[in-house]
Amino acid sequence: MLIHKINVGPLQVCCYIVIDQIAAEAMVVDPGADAAVLIAFLKKKRLLLKSIVITHGHGDHIGANTELKKAFPDTQICVHEADQDMLPYPAKNLSILAAFYGGTTVRSPMADRLLKDGDVVAVGKHVFEIIHTPGHTPGGICLYSKNPDREEPPVLFSGDTLFKEGVGRTDFPGSSQKKLMQAIKERLFVLDDRTIVYPGHGPSTTLVEEKKNNPFVAEVILHG
């Protein structure tokens, strides 16, 4: 498995291109903007884009969906069922707010596949489990792969649920700090400590580092 990160858009969303080299297939996680850059990379590498997986429905994470779908018509846009209505509506995905997305409204095509907790998505032989982590949005998800073929740490794409020494905002419509903290504690911090975390913004980290150093979850760990 290869993971290629491209920071996109004014909010520097971490868009990840997950590649299975043998199958020449790719999965894109959170293509928030800069569609031309993403398309050029995929075509240069001669990769078949199998799926676009959205960790949550905010506008800064879905801005390149339309152009990617045009360039790769057979790709599936995948989002948790609780966030599906956010994709085509700027008022719901918050892109209508100039301060949130540089004044650009976002209208994504509807999802081809609605995800639920426990579902799996695959790119080549690499399988990712969907972990529902509401809190930042009602349909926030993380993608988890145990990396069974090698003696490598598991991988988690955490969207805006968990950052390096931070967590997602909970002051948006549909957000819940209680649900976010519960999801981090009960769904993420029970995973392998070695897990490499690839968040929706900022640098990568590991679960053990966040258990030790994340000030936003310290209270949860100590007294949760």
Protein backbone atom coordinates (compact mmCIF):
# COMPACT_ATOMS: atom_id res chain seq x y z
CA MET A 1 0.00 0.00 0.00
CA LEU A 2 1.23 3.46 -0.90
CA ILE A 3 -0.27 6.58 0.64
CA HIS A 4 0.27 9.88 -1.14
CA LYS A 5 -0.83 13.07 0.64
CA ILE A 6 -1.73 16.27 -1.18
CA ASN A 7 -2.77 19.35 0.80
CA VAL A 8 -5.66 21.00 -1.03
CA GLY A 9 -7.74 24.15 -0.83
CA PRO A 10 -7.52 27.26 1.35
CA LEU A 11 -7.93 25.21 4.53
CA GLN A 12 -5.13 22.84 3.51
CA VAL A 13 -7.20 19.69 3.80
CA CYS A 14 -5.13 16.52 3.74
CA CYS A 15 -6.34 14.59 0.70
CA TYR A 16 -4.95 11.06 0.59
CA ILE A 17 -4.51 8.90 -2.50
CA VAL A 18 -4.27 5.26 -1.41
CA ILE A 19 -2.65 3.06 -4.04
CA ASP A 20 -2.47 -0.65 -4.67
CA GLN A 21 0.46 -0.86 -7.07
CA ILE A 22 -0.18 -4.41 -8.25
CA ALA A 23 -3.79 -3.74 -9.21
CA ALA A 24 -2.99 -0.17 -10.36
CA GLU A 25 -6.03 0.98 -8.39
CA ALA A 26 -6.53 3.99 -6.17
CA MET A 27 -8.90 5.31 -3.54
CA VAL A 28 -9.08 9.03 -2.81
CA VAL A 29 -9.95 10.15 0.70
CA ASP A 30 -11.36 13.67 1.13
CA PRO A 31 -10.69 15.39 -2.23
CA GLY A 32 -11.49 18.84 -0.91
CA ALA A 33 -10.25 20.98 -3.81
CA ASP A 34 -7.62 21.26 -6.57
CA ALA A 35 -9.26 18.62 -8.75
CA ALA A 36 -6.85 19.23 -11.64
CA VAL A 37 -3.88 18.34 -9.43
CA LEU A 38 -5.51 15.13 -8.25
CA ILE A 39 -6.59 14.08 -11.73
CA ALA A 40 -3.15 14.79 -13.18
CA PHE A 41 -1.51 12.64 -10.49
CA LEU A 42 -3.88 9.72 -11.04
CA LYS A 43 -3.47 9.81 -14.81
CA LYS A 44 0.29 10.21 -14.68
CA LYS A 45 0.50 7.10 -12.50
CA ARG A 46 -2.05 5.32 -14.75
CA LEU A 47 -4.26 4.50 -11.81
CA LEU A 48 -7.89 3.45 -11.93
CA LEU A 49 -9.84 5.45 -9.37
CA LYS A 50 -12.16 2.94 -7.70
CA SER A 51 -13.68 5.09 -4.99
CA ILE A 52 -13.86 8.53 -3.42
CA VAL A 53 -14.39 8.19 0.32
CA ILE A 54 -15.57 11.21 2.26
CA THR A 55 -14.86 11.23 6.00
CA HIS A 56 -17.59 13.85 6.54
CA GLY A 57 -19.71 16.20 4.48
CA HIS A 58 -18.16 19.62 5.05
CA GLY A 59 -17.40 21.62 1.93
CA ASP A 60 -13.64 21.71 2.41
CA HIS A 61 -13.54 17.90 2.10
CA ILE A 62 -15.75 17.43 -0.98
CA GLY A 63 -14.86 20.26 -3.36
CA ALA A 64 -13.20 18.11 -6.04
CA ASN A 65 -15.91 15.43 -6.16
CA THR A 66 -17.63 16.77 -9.27
CA GLU A 67 -14.51 16.98 -11.43
CA LEU A 68 -13.15 13.64 -10.24
CA LYS A 69 -16.47 12.00 -11.07
CA LYS A 70 -16.36 13.53 -14.56
CA ALA A 71 -12.82 12.30 -15.12
CA PHE A 72 -13.53 8.82 -13.69
CA PRO A 73 -17.25 8.17 -14.28
CA ASP A 74 -17.16 4.66 -12.84
CA THR A 75 -15.75 5.73 -9.50
CA GLN A 76 -18.03 5.55 -6.48
CA ILE A 77 -18.52 8.52 -4.16
CA CYS A 78 -18.92 7.04 -0.69
CA VAL A 79 -20.13 8.83 2.43
CA HIS A 80 -21.83 7.84 5.67
CA GLU A 81 -25.59 7.85 5.33
CA ALA A 82 -26.00 10.50 8.04
CA ASP A 83 -24.00 13.04 5.98
CA GLN A 84 -25.40 12.26 2.53
CA ASP A 85 -27.63 15.35 2.36
CA MET A 86 -24.66 17.63 2.96
CA LEU A 87 -23.03 16.86 -0.39
CA PRO A 88 -25.21 18.83 -2.84
CA TYR A 89 -26.30 21.68 -0.56
CA PRO A 90 -23.90 24.54 0.31
CA ALA A 91 -25.99 25.56 3.30
CA LYS A 92 -25.69 22.07 4.77
CA ASN A 93 -22.02 21.47 3.92
CA LEU A 94 -21.21 24.97 5.24
CA SER A 95 -19.39 26.05 2.08
CA ILE A 96 -21.90 28.89 1.89
CA LEU A 97 -19.91 30.58 4.64
CA ALA A 98 -17.18 32.70 3.05
CA ALA A 99 -14.98 32.39 6.12
CA PHE A 100 -15.20 28.61 5.91
CA TYR A 101 -14.29 28.00 2.28
CA GLY A 102 -12.85 31.17 0.83
CA GLY A 103 -16.20 32.28 -0.54
CA THR A 104 -16.61 29.30 -2.88
CA THR A 105 -19.80 27.28 -2.58
CA VAL A 106 -19.58 23.54 -3.13
CA ARG A 107 -22.16 21.27 -4.72
CA SER A 108 -21.09 17.65 -4.95
CA PRO A 109 -22.90 14.90 -6.80
CA MET A 110 -24.94 12.64 -4.56
CA ALA A 111 -23.20 9.59 -3.16
CA ASP A 112 -23.11 6.35 -5.12
CA ARG A 113 -22.70 4.34 -1.93
CA LEU A 114 -23.95 5.10 1.56
CA LEU A 115 -21.72 3.76 4.30
CA LYS A 116 -22.57 2.40 7.72
CA ASP A 117 -20.47 1.44 10.70
CA GLY A 118 -18.69 -1.84 10.02
CA ASP A 119 -18.83 -1.61 6.24
CA VAL A 120 -15.62 -2.09 4.29
CA VAL A 121 -14.11 -0.34 1.30
CA ALA A 122 -11.22 -1.80 -0.65
CA VAL A 123 -8.53 -0.71 -3.05
CA GLY A 124 -6.90 -3.72 -4.63
CA LYS A 125 -6.17 -6.18 -1.83
CA HIS A 126 -6.22 -3.53 0.88
CA VAL A 127 -9.39 -3.44 2.96
CA PHE A 128 -10.53 -0.61 5.20
CA GLU A 129 -13.19 -0.90 7.88
CA ILE A 130 -15.58 2.01 8.33
CA ILE A 131 -15.69 3.26 11.92
CA HIS A 132 -18.56 5.66 12.59
CA THR A 133 -17.24 8.53 14.73
CA PRO A 134 -19.99 11.16 15.03
CA GLY A 135 -19.30 14.42 16.79
CA HIS A 136 -17.74 16.77 14.25
CA THR A 137 -20.67 15.88 11.99
CA PRO A 138 -23.41 13.28 12.49
CA GLY A 139 -21.90 11.05 9.79
CA GLY A 140 -18.22 11.43 10.53
CA ILE A 141 -16.20 8.29 9.83
CA CYS A 142 -12.67 6.94 10.10
CA LEU A 143 -11.13 4.29 7.84
CA TYR A 144 -9.05 1.58 9.49
CA SER A 145 -6.76 -1.00 7.90
CA LYS A 146 -4.86 -3.57 9.95
CA ASN A 147 -2.22 -3.96 7.22
CA PRO A 148 -2.28 -7.76 7.54
CA ASP A 149 0.21 -8.57 4.78
CA ARG A 150 3.25 -6.98 6.39
CA GLU A 151 4.68 -6.37 9.80
CA GLU A 152 3.69 -2.73 9.53
CA PRO A 153 1.49 -0.66 11.85
CA PRO A 154 -2.21 -0.37 11.10
CA VAL A 155 -3.44 2.75 9.32
CA LEU A 156 -6.27 5.09 10.29
CA PHE A 157 -7.67 7.93 8.19
CA SER A 158 -9.31 10.01 10.92
CA GLY A 159 -10.85 12.90 8.98
CA ASP A 160 -11.71 15.72 11.35
CA THR A 161 -12.33 13.44 14.31
CA LEU A 162 -8.77 13.28 15.64
CA PHE A 163 -5.73 15.42 14.85
CA LYS A 164 -2.19 15.53 16.13
CA GLU A 165 -2.72 17.07 19.58
CA GLY A 166 -6.21 18.19 18.59
CA VAL A 167 -9.76 17.14 17.80
CA GLY A 168 -12.45 18.29 15.41
CA ARG A 169 -14.56 21.36 16.11
CA THR A 170 -17.94 20.79 17.72
CA ASP A 171 -19.50 24.25 17.31
CA PHE A 172 -21.10 23.51 13.93
CA PRO A 173 -24.71 22.50 13.27
CA GLY A 174 -25.08 18.80 14.04
CA SER A 175 -21.88 18.68 16.09
CA SER A 176 -21.59 17.18 19.56
CA GLN A 177 -18.57 17.35 21.83
CA LYS A 178 -19.92 14.52 23.96
CA LYS A 179 -20.33 12.21 20.96
CA LEU A 180 -16.91 13.14 19.58
CA MET A 181 -15.12 12.34 22.82
CA GLN A 182 -17.09 9.15 23.22
CA ALA A 183 -16.15 8.06 19.70
CA ILE A 184 -12.47 8.78 20.25
CA LYS A 185 -12.40 6.90 23.54
CA GLU A 186 -14.59 3.92 22.63
CA ARG A 187 -13.87 3.47 18.92
CA LEU A 188 -10.36 4.79 18.26
CA PHE A 189 -8.38 4.47 21.48
CA VAL A 190 -9.21 0.77 21.67
CA LEU A 191 -7.29 0.14 18.45
CA ASP A 192 -3.64 -0.90 18.21
CA ASP A 193 -1.46 1.77 19.84
CA ARG A 194 0.96 1.57 16.90
CA THR A 195 -1.71 2.75 14.48
CA ILE A 196 -0.54 5.57 12.23
CA VAL A 197 -3.16 8.32 12.14
CA TYR A 198 -3.62 10.33 8.95
CA PRO A 199 -5.90 13.24 9.88
CA GLY A 200 -7.96 15.62 7.76
CA HIS A 201 -5.67 18.54 8.62
CA GLY A 202 -2.09 18.73 9.80
CA PRO A 203 0.68 16.16 10.27
CA SER A 204 0.29 12.45 10.87
CA THR A 205 0.61 10.98 14.33
CA THR A 206 0.02 7.70 16.17
CA LEU A 207 -2.66 6.62 18.59
CA VAL A 208 -0.19 6.12 21.41
CA GLU A 209 1.14 9.66 20.90
CA GLU A 210 -2.37 11.07 21.11
CA LYS A 211 -3.17 9.12 24.25
CA LYS A 212 -0.09 10.63 25.88
CA ASN A 213 0.05 14.13 24.42
CA ASN A 214 -3.36 15.27 23.15
CA PRO A 215 -4.62 17.87 25.66
CA PHE A 216 -8.18 17.70 24.33
CA VAL A 217 -8.60 14.05 25.23
CA ALA A 218 -6.57 13.93 28.43
CA GLU A 219 -9.68 14.41 30.56
CA VAL A 220 -11.42 11.59 28.71
CA ILE A 221 -8.55 9.20 29.32
CA LEU A 222 -8.17 10.11 32.99
CA HIS A 223 -11.79 10.45 34.03
CA GLY A 224 -13.92 9.30 31.08
